[in-house]
Amino acid sequence: WYRQAPGKDQEGISCINNSGDETLYADSVKGRFTIFRDNAQNTVYLQ
């Protein structure tokens, strides 16, 4: 997941591997955002 605010550079904020057992978060969102996936639904979520 990436985000871009007006006038700012794009920021990679979170990512997850294909099996869903490894995740990373940018410091700016750590502890507030959660990435997870439901491969049966072919969808990745960002809470």
All heavy atoms as atom14 arrays in JSON, in Angstrom:
{
  "sequence": "WYRQAPGKDQEGISCINNSGDETLYADSVKGRFTIFRDNAQNTVYLQ",
  "atom14_mask": [
    [1, 1, 1, 1, 1, 1, 1, 1, 1, 1, 1, 1, 1, 1],
    [1, 1, 1, 1, 1, 1, 1, 1, 1, 1, 1, 1, 0, 0],
    [1, 1, 1, 1, 1, 1, 1, 1, 1, 1, 1, 0, 0, 0],
    [1, 1, 1, 1, 1, 1, 1, 1, 1, 0, 0, 0, 0, 0],
    [1, 1, 1, 1, 1, 0, 0, 0, 0, 0, 0, 0, 0, 0],
    [1, 1, 1, 1, 1, 1, 1, 0, 0, 0, 0, 0, 0, 0],
    [1, 1, 1, 1, 0, 0, 0, 0, 0, 0, 0, 0, 0, 0],
    [1, 1, 1, 1, 1, 1, 1, 1, 1, 0, 0, 0, 0, 0],
    [1, 1, 1, 1, 1, 1, 1, 1, 0, 0, 0, 0, 0, 0],
    [1, 1, 1, 1, 1, 1, 1, 1, 1, 0, 0, 0, 0, 0],
    [1, 1, 1, 1, 1, 1, 1, 1, 1, 0, 0, 0, 0, 0],
    [1, 1, 1, 1, 0, 0, 0, 0, 0, 0, 0, 0, 0, 0],
    [1, 1, 1, 1, 1, 1, 1, 1, 0, 0, 0, 0, 0, 0],
    [1, 1, 1, 1, 1, 1, 0, 0, 0, 0, 0, 0, 0, 0],
    [1, 1, 1, 1, 1, 1, 0, 0, 0, 0, 0, 0, 0, 0],
    [1, 1, 1, 1, 1, 1, 1, 1, 0, 0, 0, 0, 0, 0],
    [1, 1, 1, 1, 1, 1, 1, 1, 0, 0, 0, 0, 0, 0],
    [1, 1, 1, 1, 1, 1, 1, 1, 0, 0, 0, 0, 0, 0],
    [1, 1, 1, 1, 1, 1, 0, 0, 0, 0, 0, 0, 0, 0],
    [1, 1, 1, 1, 0, 0, 0, 0, 0, 0, 0, 0, 0, 0],
    [1, 1, 1, 1, 1, 1, 1, 1, 0, 0, 0, 0, 0, 0],
    [1, 1, 1, 1, 1, 1, 1, 1, 1, 0, 0, 0, 0, 0],
    [1, 1, 1, 1, 1, 1, 1, 0, 0, 0, 0, 0, 0, 0],
    [1, 1, 1, 1, 1, 1, 1, 1, 0, 0, 0, 0, 0, 0],
    [1, 1, 1, 1, 1, 1, 1, 1, 1, 1, 1, 1, 0, 0],
    [1, 1, 1, 1, 1, 0, 0, 0, 0, 0, 0, 0, 0, 0],
    [1, 1, 1, 1, 1, 1, 1, 1, 0, 0, 0, 0, 0, 0],
    [1, 1, 1, 1, 1, 1, 0, 0, 0, 0, 0, 0, 0, 0],
    [1, 1, 1, 1, 1, 1, 1, 0, 0, 0, 0, 0, 0, 0],
    [1, 1, 1, 1, 1, 1, 1, 1, 1, 0, 0, 0, 0, 0],
    [1, 1, 1, 1, 0, 0, 0, 0, 0, 0, 0, 0, 0, 0],
    [1, 1, 1, 1, 1, 1, 1, 1, 1, 1, 1, 0, 0, 0],
    [1, 1, 1, 1, 1, 1, 1, 1, 1, 1, 1, 0, 0, 0],
    [1, 1, 1, 1, 1, 1, 1, 0, 0, 0, 0, 0, 0, 0],
    [1, 1, 1, 1, 1, 1, 1, 1, 0, 0, 0, 0, 0, 0],
    [1, 1, 1, 1, 1, 1, 1, 1, 1, 1, 1, 0, 0, 0],
    [1, 1, 1, 1, 1, 1, 1, 1, 1, 1, 1, 0, 0, 0],
    [1, 1, 1, 1, 1, 1, 1, 1, 0, 0, 0, 0, 0, 0],
    [1, 1, 1, 1, 1, 1, 1, 1, 0, 0, 0, 0, 0, 0],
    [1, 1, 1, 1, 1, 0, 0, 0, 0, 0, 0, 0, 0, 0],
    [1, 1, 1, 1, 1, 1, 1, 1, 1, 0, 0, 0, 0, 0],
    [1, 1, 1, 1, 1, 1, 1, 1, 0, 0, 0, 0, 0, 0],
    [1, 1, 1, 1, 1, 1, 1, 0, 0, 0, 0, 0, 0, 0],
    [1, 1, 1, 1, 1, 1, 1, 0, 0, 0, 0, 0, 0, 0],
    [1, 1, 1, 1, 1, 1, 1, 1, 1, 1, 1, 1, 0, 0],
    [1, 1, 1, 1, 1, 1, 1, 1, 0, 0, 0, 0, 0, 0],
    [1, 1, 1, 1, 1, 1, 1, 1, 1, 0, 0, 0, 0, 0]
  ],
  "atom14_positions": [
    [[0.85, -1.19, 0.0], [0.0, 0.0, 0.0], [0.89, 1.24, 0.0], [1.87, 1.31, 0.77], [-0.91, 0.03, 1.23], [-2.1, -0.87, 1.12], [-2.25, -2.12, 1.64], [-3.34, -0.57, 0.46], [-3.49, -2.62, 1.33], [-4.18, -1.69, 0.61], [-3.82, 0.53, -0.24], [-5.47, -1.75, 0.09], [-5.09, 0.49, -0.76], [-5.91, -0.65, -0.59]],
    [[0.53, 2.19, -0.83], [1.3, 3.42, -1.0], [0.34, 4.6, -0.91], [-0.84, 4.47, -1.25], [2.01, 3.4, -2.35], [2.91, 2.2, -2.51], [2.37, 0.96, -2.83], [4.28, 2.29, -2.3], [3.19, -0.16, -2.94], [5.1, 1.18, -2.41], [4.54, -0.04, -2.72], [5.34, -1.15, -2.82], [0.0, 0.0, 0.0], [0.0, 0.0, 0.0]],
    [[0.87, 5.74, -0.51], [0.02, 6.91, -0.46], [0.78, 8.13, -0.94], [2.01, 8.19, -0.85], [-0.53, 7.15, 0.94], [0.52, 7.57, 1.98], [-0.12, 7.69, 3.36], [0.82, 8.12, 4.38], [0.55, 8.18, 5.67], [-0.66, 7.82, 6.12], [1.47, 8.59, 6.54], [0.0, 0.0, 0.0], [0.0, 0.0, 0.0], [0.0, 0.0, 0.0]],
    [[0.03, 9.06, -1.47], [0.63, 10.31, -1.92], [-0.3, 11.46, -1.58], [-1.47, 11.47, -2.01], [0.92, 10.29, -3.42], [1.7, 11.5, -3.88], [2.38, 11.28, -5.21], [1.95, 10.45, -6.01], [3.45, 12.02, -5.46], [0.0, 0.0, 0.0], [0.0, 0.0, 0.0], [0.0, 0.0, 0.0], [0.0, 0.0, 0.0], [0.0, 0.0, 0.0]],
    [[0.22, 12.39, -0.81], [-0.51, 13.6, -0.47], [-0.1, 14.71, -1.42], [1.01, 14.68, -1.98], [-0.22, 14.0, 0.97], [0.0, 0.0, 0.0], [0.0, 0.0, 0.0], [0.0, 0.0, 0.0], [0.0, 0.0, 0.0], [0.0, 0.0, 0.0], [0.0, 0.0, 0.0], [0.0, 0.0, 0.0], [0.0, 0.0, 0.0], [0.0, 0.0, 0.0]],
    [[-0.94, 15.7, -1.61], [-0.59, 16.81, -2.51], [0.72, 17.47, -2.11], [0.93, 17.78, -0.93], [-1.77, 17.77, -2.35], [-2.91, 16.91, -1.94], [-2.3, 15.84, -1.08], [0.0, 0.0, 0.0], [0.0, 0.0, 0.0], [0.0, 0.0, 0.0], [0.0, 0.0, 0.0], [0.0, 0.0, 0.0], [0.0, 0.0, 0.0], [0.0, 0.0, 0.0]],
    [[1.61, 17.61, -3.08], [2.87, 18.28, -2.83], [3.91, 17.44, -2.11], [4.99, 17.94, -1.78], [0.0, 0.0, 0.0], [0.0, 0.0, 0.0], [0.0, 0.0, 0.0], [0.0, 0.0, 0.0], [0.0, 0.0, 0.0], [0.0, 0.0, 0.0], [0.0, 0.0, 0.0], [0.0, 0.0, 0.0], [0.0, 0.0, 0.0], [0.0, 0.0, 0.0]],
    [[3.6, 16.17, -1.88], [4.54, 15.3, -1.17], [4.91, 14.1, -2.03], [4.2, 13.74, -2.97], [3.93, 14.82, 0.15], [3.68, 15.93, 1.16], [3.28, 15.36, 2.5], [3.11, 16.45, 3.54], [2.73, 15.89, 4.87], [0.0, 0.0, 0.0], [0.0, 0.0, 0.0], [0.0, 0.0, 0.0], [0.0, 0.0, 0.0], [0.0, 0.0, 0.0]],
    [[6.04, 13.49, -1.7], [6.47, 12.3, -2.4], [5.59, 11.11, -2.03], [5.0, 11.07, -0.94], [7.92, 11.96, -2.06], [8.89, 12.98, -2.6], [8.54, 13.67, -3.58], [9.99, 13.09, -2.03], [0.0, 0.0, 0.0], [0.0, 0.0, 0.0], [0.0, 0.0, 0.0], [0.0, 0.0, 0.0], [0.0, 0.0, 0.0], [0.0, 0.0, 0.0]],
    [[5.54, 10.16, -2.93], [4.81, 8.94, -2.62], [5.5, 8.19, -1.5], [6.74, 8.13, -1.45], [4.72, 8.05, -3.86], [3.83, 6.83, -3.69], [3.78, 6.02, -4.94], [4.8, 5.55, -5.41], [2.59, 5.86, -5.51], [0.0, 0.0, 0.0], [0.0, 0.0, 0.0], [0.0, 0.0, 0.0], [0.0, 0.0, 0.0], [0.0, 0.0, 0.0]],
    [[4.71, 7.61, -0.63], [5.24, 6.9, 0.56], [4.72, 5.47, 0.56], [3.52, 5.23, 0.48], [4.8, 7.63, 1.83], [5.25, 6.97, 3.12], [4.69, 7.63, 4.35], [3.7, 8.4, 4.25], [5.23, 7.39, 5.45], [0.0, 0.0, 0.0], [0.0, 0.0, 0.0], [0.0, 0.0, 0.0], [0.0, 0.0, 0.0], [0.0, 0.0, 0.0]],
    [[5.64, 4.52, 0.65], [5.24, 3.14, 0.85], [4.94, 2.93, 2.31], [5.83, 3.1, 3.15], [0.0, 0.0, 0.0], [0.0, 0.0, 0.0], [0.0, 0.0, 0.0], [0.0, 0.0, 0.0], [0.0, 0.0, 0.0], [0.0, 0.0, 0.0], [0.0, 0.0, 0.0], [0.0, 0.0, 0.0], [0.0, 0.0, 0.0], [0.0, 0.0, 0.0]],
    [[3.72, 2.57, 2.65], [3.35, 2.54, 4.06], [3.22, 1.15, 4.63], [3.39, 0.97, 5.84], [2.05, 3.34, 4.31], [0.91, 2.79, 3.46], [2.27, 4.82, 4.05], [-0.42, 3.39, 3.79], [0.0, 0.0, 0.0], [0.0, 0.0, 0.0], [0.0, 0.0, 0.0], [0.0, 0.0, 0.0], [0.0, 0.0, 0.0], [0.0, 0.0, 0.0]],
    [[2.93, 0.15, 3.8], [2.81, -1.2, 4.33], [2.86, -2.2, 3.19], [2.5, -1.88, 2.05], [1.48, -1.36, 5.09], [1.41, -2.63, 5.72], [0.0, 0.0, 0.0], [0.0, 0.0, 0.0], [0.0, 0.0, 0.0], [0.0, 0.0, 0.0], [0.0, 0.0, 0.0], [0.0, 0.0, 0.0], [0.0, 0.0, 0.0], [0.0, 0.0, 0.0]],
    [[3.33, -3.39, 3.5], [3.36, -4.44, 2.48], [3.26, -5.81, 3.16], [3.52, -5.94, 4.36], [4.59, -4.34, 1.6], [6.14, -4.21, 2.5], [0.0, 0.0, 0.0], [0.0, 0.0, 0.0], [0.0, 0.0, 0.0], [0.0, 0.0, 0.0], [0.0, 0.0, 0.0], [0.0, 0.0, 0.0], [0.0, 0.0, 0.0], [0.0, 0.0, 0.0]],
    [[2.9, -6.79, 2.35], [2.68, -8.13, 2.86], [3.15, -9.14, 1.82], [2.99, -8.91, 0.61], [1.18, -8.32, 3.22], [0.92, -9.63, 3.94], [0.29, -8.18, 1.98], [-0.48, -9.71, 4.56], [0.0, 0.0, 0.0], [0.0, 0.0, 0.0], [0.0, 0.0, 0.0], [0.0, 0.0, 0.0], [0.0, 0.0, 0.0], [0.0, 0.0, 0.0]],
    [[3.72, -10.23, 2.26], [4.18, -11.22, 1.3], [3.01, -12.07, 0.8], [1.86, -11.91, 1.26], [5.3, -12.08, 1.88], [4.82, -13.0, 3.0], [3.75, -12.79, 3.57], [5.61, -14.0, 3.32], [0.0, 0.0, 0.0], [0.0, 0.0, 0.0], [0.0, 0.0, 0.0], [0.0, 0.0, 0.0], [0.0, 0.0, 0.0], [0.0, 0.0, 0.0]],
    [[3.28, -12.96, -0.12], [2.19, -13.69, -0.76], [1.42, -14.6, 0.21], [0.21, -14.76, 0.07], [2.69, -14.48, -1.97], [3.88, -15.38, -1.66], [4.35, -15.45, -0.53], [4.38, -16.06, -2.67], [0.0, 0.0, 0.0], [0.0, 0.0, 0.0], [0.0, 0.0, 0.0], [0.0, 0.0, 0.0], [0.0, 0.0, 0.0], [0.0, 0.0, 0.0]],
    [[2.09, -15.16, 1.17], [1.41, -16.06, 2.1], [0.77, -15.33, 3.28], [-0.02, -15.92, 4.01], [2.37, -17.13, 2.62], [3.46, -16.53, 3.28], [0.0, 0.0, 0.0], [0.0, 0.0, 0.0], [0.0, 0.0, 0.0], [0.0, 0.0, 0.0], [0.0, 0.0, 0.0], [0.0, 0.0, 0.0], [0.0, 0.0, 0.0], [0.0, 0.0, 0.0]],
    [[1.14, -14.08, 3.45], [0.54, -13.28, 4.51], [1.2, -13.38, 5.86], [0.71, -12.81, 6.83], [0.0, 0.0, 0.0], [0.0, 0.0, 0.0], [0.0, 0.0, 0.0], [0.0, 0.0, 0.0], [0.0, 0.0, 0.0], [0.0, 0.0, 0.0], [0.0, 0.0, 0.0], [0.0, 0.0, 0.0], [0.0, 0.0, 0.0], [0.0, 0.0, 0.0]],
    [[2.32, -14.07, 5.94], [2.97, -14.23, 7.25], [4.12, -13.26, 7.49], [4.76, -13.31, 8.54], [3.46, -15.67, 7.43], [4.42, -16.12, 6.35], [4.66, -15.34, 5.4], [4.93, -17.26, 6.43], [0.0, 0.0, 0.0], [0.0, 0.0, 0.0], [0.0, 0.0, 0.0], [0.0, 0.0, 0.0], [0.0, 0.0, 0.0], [0.0, 0.0, 0.0]],
    [[4.36, -12.37, 6.55], [5.36, -11.33, 6.73], [4.76, -9.98, 6.32], [4.16, -9.87, 5.25], [6.61, -11.62, 5.9], [7.34, -12.87, 6.34], [8.58, -13.13, 5.51], [8.88, -12.32, 4.61], [9.28, -14.13, 5.76], [0.0, 0.0, 0.0], [0.0, 0.0, 0.0], [0.0, 0.0, 0.0], [0.0, 0.0, 0.0], [0.0, 0.0, 0.0]],
    [[4.94, -9.02, 7.2], [4.43, -7.68, 6.94], [5.46, -6.63, 7.33], [6.34, -6.89, 8.16], [3.13, -7.41, 7.71], [3.38, -7.57, 9.13], [2.02, -8.36, 7.31], [0.0, 0.0, 0.0], [0.0, 0.0, 0.0], [0.0, 0.0, 0.0], [0.0, 0.0, 0.0], [0.0, 0.0, 0.0], [0.0, 0.0, 0.0], [0.0, 0.0, 0.0]],
    [[5.34, -5.47, 6.74], [6.18, -4.32, 7.08], [5.31, -3.08, 7.16], [4.3, -2.99, 6.44], [7.26, -4.1, 6.02], [8.48, -5.02, 6.01], [9.35, -4.7, 4.8], [9.28, -4.86, 7.29], [0.0, 0.0, 0.0], [0.0, 0.0, 0.0], [0.0, 0.0, 0.0], [0.0, 0.0, 0.0], [0.0, 0.0, 0.0], [0.0, 0.0, 0.0]],
    [[5.74, -2.14, 8.01], [5.02, -0.89, 8.14], [6.02, 0.26, 8.19], [7.07, 0.16, 8.81], [4.19, -0.88, 9.42], [3.12, -1.94, 9.46], [3.37, -3.18, 10.03], [1.86, -1.71, 8.9], [2.4, -4.17, 10.05], [0.88, -2.68, 8.91], [1.16, -3.91, 9.5], [0.18, -4.89, 9.52], [0.0, 0.0, 0.0], [0.0, 0.0, 0.0]],
    [[5.64, 1.36, 7.57], [6.42, 2.58, 7.74], [6.23, 3.09, 9.17], [5.19, 2.87, 9.8], [5.95, 3.64, 6.74], [0.0, 0.0, 0.0], [0.0, 0.0, 0.0], [0.0, 0.0, 0.0], [0.0, 0.0, 0.0], [0.0, 0.0, 0.0], [0.0, 0.0, 0.0], [0.0, 0.0, 0.0], [0.0, 0.0, 0.0], [0.0, 0.0, 0.0]],
    [[7.22, 3.8, 9.65], [7.15, 4.32, 11.02], [5.93, 5.22, 11.21], [5.36, 5.29, 12.29], [8.42, 5.09, 11.35], [9.61, 4.17, 11.54], [9.41, 2.95, 11.74], [10.75, 4.67, 11.5], [0.0, 0.0, 0.0], [0.0, 0.0, 0.0], [0.0, 0.0, 0.0], [0.0, 0.0, 0.0], [0.0, 0.0, 0.0], [0.0, 0.0, 0.0]],
    [[5.54, 5.9, 10.14], [4.44, 6.86, 10.23], [3.09, 6.19, 10.52], [2.16, 6.86, 10.97], [4.35, 7.67, 8.94], [4.17, 6.8, 7.82], [0.0, 0.0, 0.0], [0.0, 0.0, 0.0], [0.0, 0.0, 0.0], [0.0, 0.0, 0.0], [0.0, 0.0, 0.0], [0.0, 0.0, 0.0], [0.0, 0.0, 0.0], [0.0, 0.0, 0.0]],
    [[2.98, 4.88, 10.27], [1.7, 4.2, 10.46], [1.79, 3.02, 11.41], [0.76, 2.42, 11.76], [1.1, 3.73, 9.12], [0.98, 4.9, 8.15], [1.91, 2.59, 8.52], [0.0, 0.0, 0.0], [0.0, 0.0, 0.0], [0.0, 0.0, 0.0], [0.0, 0.0, 0.0], [0.0, 0.0, 0.0], [0.0, 0.0, 0.0], [0.0, 0.0, 0.0]],
    [[2.98, 2.7, 11.85], [3.19, 1.53, 12.71], [2.37, 1.67, 13.98], [2.37, 2.71, 14.63], [4.67, 1.39, 13.03], [5.08, 0.01, 13.54], [6.6, -0.07, 13.63], [7.26, 0.02, 12.28], [8.75, -0.13, 12.35], [0.0, 0.0, 0.0], [0.0, 0.0, 0.0], [0.0, 0.0, 0.0], [0.0, 0.0, 0.0], [0.0, 0.0, 0.0]],
    [[1.68, 0.61, 14.33], [0.84, 0.6, 15.52], [-0.57, 1.11, 15.29], [-1.43, 0.96, 16.16], [0.0, 0.0, 0.0], [0.0, 0.0, 0.0], [0.0, 0.0, 0.0], [0.0, 0.0, 0.0], [0.0, 0.0, 0.0], [0.0, 0.0, 0.0], [0.0, 0.0, 0.0], [0.0, 0.0, 0.0], [0.0, 0.0, 0.0], [0.0, 0.0, 0.0]],
    [[-0.81, 1.73, 14.14], [-2.15, 2.24, 13.83], [-2.79, 1.52, 12.64], [-4.01, 1.39, 12.6], [-2.07, 3.74, 13.51], [-1.52, 4.58, 14.65], [-1.65, 6.07, 14.32], [-0.86, 6.46, 13.15], [-1.38, 7.02, 12.05], [-2.68, 7.26, 11.98], [-0.6, 7.34, 11.04], [0.0, 0.0, 0.0], [0.0, 0.0, 0.0], [0.0, 0.0, 0.0]],
    [[-1.98, 1.09, 11.7], [-2.49, 0.42, 10.49], [-2.13, -1.07, 10.55], [-1.08, -1.45, 11.09], [-1.85, 1.02, 9.24], [-2.29, 2.41, 8.91], [-3.03, 3.19, 9.8], [-1.95, 2.97, 7.68], [-3.42, 4.47, 9.48], [-2.33, 4.26, 7.34], [-3.06, 5.01, 8.25], [0.0, 0.0, 0.0], [0.0, 0.0, 0.0], [0.0, 0.0, 0.0]],
    [[-3.01, -1.88, 9.97], [-2.76, -3.33, 9.89], [-3.07, -3.81, 8.48], [-4.16, -3.55, 7.96], [-3.65, -4.08, 10.89], [-3.43, -3.59, 12.21], [-3.34, -5.57, 10.85], [0.0, 0.0, 0.0], [0.0, 0.0, 0.0], [0.0, 0.0, 0.0], [0.0, 0.0, 0.0], [0.0, 0.0, 0.0], [0.0, 0.0, 0.0], [0.0, 0.0, 0.0]],
    [[-2.12, -4.49, 7.88], [-2.32, -5.07, 6.56], [-2.57, -6.56, 6.73], [-1.93, -7.23, 7.54], [-1.1, -4.8, 5.64], [-1.4, -5.2, 4.2], [0.15, -5.5, 6.16], [-0.32, -4.75, 3.2], [0.0, 0.0, 0.0], [0.0, 0.0, 0.0], [0.0, 0.0, 0.0], [0.0, 0.0, 0.0], [0.0, 0.0, 0.0], [0.0, 0.0, 0.0]],
    [[-3.53, -7.07, 5.98], [-3.78, -8.5, 6.0], [-4.42, -8.89, 4.67], [-4.85, -8.03, 3.9], [-4.66, -8.9, 7.2], [-6.01, -8.26, 7.24], [-7.15, -8.94, 6.83], [-6.17, -6.96, 7.73], [-8.4, -8.36, 6.89], [-7.42, -6.37, 7.8], [-8.53, -7.06, 7.37], [0.0, 0.0, 0.0], [0.0, 0.0, 0.0], [0.0, 0.0, 0.0]],
    [[-4.47, -10.19, 4.45], [-5.0, -10.63, 3.16], [-5.91, -11.83, 3.32], [-5.76, -12.63, 4.26], [-3.85, -10.92, 2.21], [-2.97, -12.09, 2.56], [-1.69, -12.1, 1.67], [-2.04, -12.07, 0.26], [-1.22, -11.62, -0.69], [-0.02, -11.17, -0.39], [-1.6, -11.64, -1.96], [0.0, 0.0, 0.0], [0.0, 0.0, 0.0], [0.0, 0.0, 0.0]],
    [[-6.83, -11.95, 2.4], [-7.7, -13.1, 2.3], [-7.53, -13.63, 0.88], [-8.17, -13.13, -0.05], [-9.15, -12.69, 2.59], [-10.1, -13.88, 2.59], [-9.73, -14.95, 2.06], [-11.21, -13.75, 3.12], [0.0, 0.0, 0.0], [0.0, 0.0, 0.0], [0.0, 0.0, 0.0], [0.0, 0.0, 0.0], [0.0, 0.0, 0.0], [0.0, 0.0, 0.0]],
    [[-6.67, -14.59, 0.73], [-6.37, -15.08, -0.62], [-7.56, -15.8, -1.24], [-7.68, -15.84, -2.47], [-5.15, -15.97, -0.59], [-3.86, -15.18, -0.4], [-3.81, -13.97, -0.64], [-2.8, -15.85, 0.03], [0.0, 0.0, 0.0], [0.0, 0.0, 0.0], [0.0, 0.0, 0.0], [0.0, 0.0, 0.0], [0.0, 0.0, 0.0], [0.0, 0.0, 0.0]],
    [[-8.46, -16.31, -0.42], [-9.67, -16.92, -0.97], [-10.56, -15.88, -1.64], [-11.28, -16.19, -2.59], [-10.43, -17.64, 0.13], [0.0, 0.0, 0.0], [0.0, 0.0, 0.0], [0.0, 0.0, 0.0], [0.0, 0.0, 0.0], [0.0, 0.0, 0.0], [0.0, 0.0, 0.0], [0.0, 0.0, 0.0], [0.0, 0.0, 0.0], [0.0, 0.0, 0.0]],
    [[-10.48, -14.64, -1.12], [-11.25, -13.54, -1.69], [-10.44, -12.73, -2.7], [-10.95, -11.76, -3.26], [-11.73, -12.62, -0.57], [-12.7, -13.28, 0.4], [-14.0, -13.7, -0.27], [-14.53, -12.99, -1.14], [-14.51, -14.86, 0.1], [0.0, 0.0, 0.0], [0.0, 0.0, 0.0], [0.0, 0.0, 0.0], [0.0, 0.0, 0.0], [0.0, 0.0, 0.0]],
    [[-9.18, -13.14, -2.89], [-8.32, -12.44, -3.85], [-8.18, -10.96, -3.5], [-8.14, -10.09, -4.38], [-8.85, -12.59, -5.28], [-7.77, -12.94, -6.28], [-6.72, -13.47, -5.92], [-8.0, -12.63, -7.54], [0.0, 0.0, 0.0], [0.0, 0.0, 0.0], [0.0, 0.0, 0.0], [0.0, 0.0, 0.0], [0.0, 0.0, 0.0], [0.0, 0.0, 0.0]],
    [[-8.09, -10.69, -2.2], [-8.11, -9.31, -1.72], [-7.1, -9.1, -0.6], [-6.9, -9.99, 0.23], [-9.52, -8.95, -1.2], [-10.47, -9.13, -2.26], [-9.59, -7.51, -0.73], [0.0, 0.0, 0.0], [0.0, 0.0, 0.0], [0.0, 0.0, 0.0], [0.0, 0.0, 0.0], [0.0, 0.0, 0.0], [0.0, 0.0, 0.0], [0.0, 0.0, 0.0]],
    [[-6.49, -7.93, -0.61], [-5.64, -7.47, 0.49], [-6.3, -6.25, 1.12], [-6.85, -5.41, 0.41], [-4.23, -7.13, -0.02], [-3.41, -6.45, 1.07], [-3.52, -8.39, -0.49], [0.0, 0.0, 0.0], [0.0, 0.0, 0.0], [0.0, 0.0, 0.0], [0.0, 0.0, 0.0], [0.0, 0.0, 0.0], [0.0, 0.0, 0.0], [0.0, 0.0, 0.0]],
    [[-6.21, -6.17, 2.43], [-6.87, -5.1, 3.17], [-5.86, -4.24, 3.92], [-4.77, -4.71, 4.27], [-7.86, -5.69, 4.18], [-8.92, -6.56, 3.57], [-8.74, -7.93, 3.45], [-10.11, -6.0, 3.1], [-9.72, -8.74, 2.89], [-11.09, -6.8, 2.55], [-10.89, -8.17, 2.44], [-11.87, -8.96, 1.89], [0.0, 0.0, 0.0], [0.0, 0.0, 0.0]],
    [[-6.25, -3.03, 4.19], [-5.47, -2.15, 5.06], [-6.44, -1.55, 6.07], [-7.28, -0.71, 5.7], [-4.77, -1.05, 4.27], [-3.84, -0.16, 5.1], [-2.61, -0.97, 5.56], [-3.39, 1.07, 4.31], [0.0, 0.0, 0.0], [0.0, 0.0, 0.0], [0.0, 0.0, 0.0], [0.0, 0.0, 0.0], [0.0, 0.0, 0.0], [0.0, 0.0, 0.0]],
    [[-6.37, -2.02, 7.3], [-7.17, -1.48, 8.39], [-6.45, -0.27, 8.96], [-5.31, -0.4, 9.43], [-7.39, -2.54, 9.47], [-8.16, -2.05, 10.68], [-9.6, -1.72, 10.35], [-10.25, -2.42, 9.57], [-10.11, -0.65, 10.95], [0.0, 0.0, 0.0], [0.0, 0.0, 0.0], [0.0, 0.0, 0.0], [0.0, 0.0, 0.0], [0.0, 0.0, 0.0]]
  ]
}
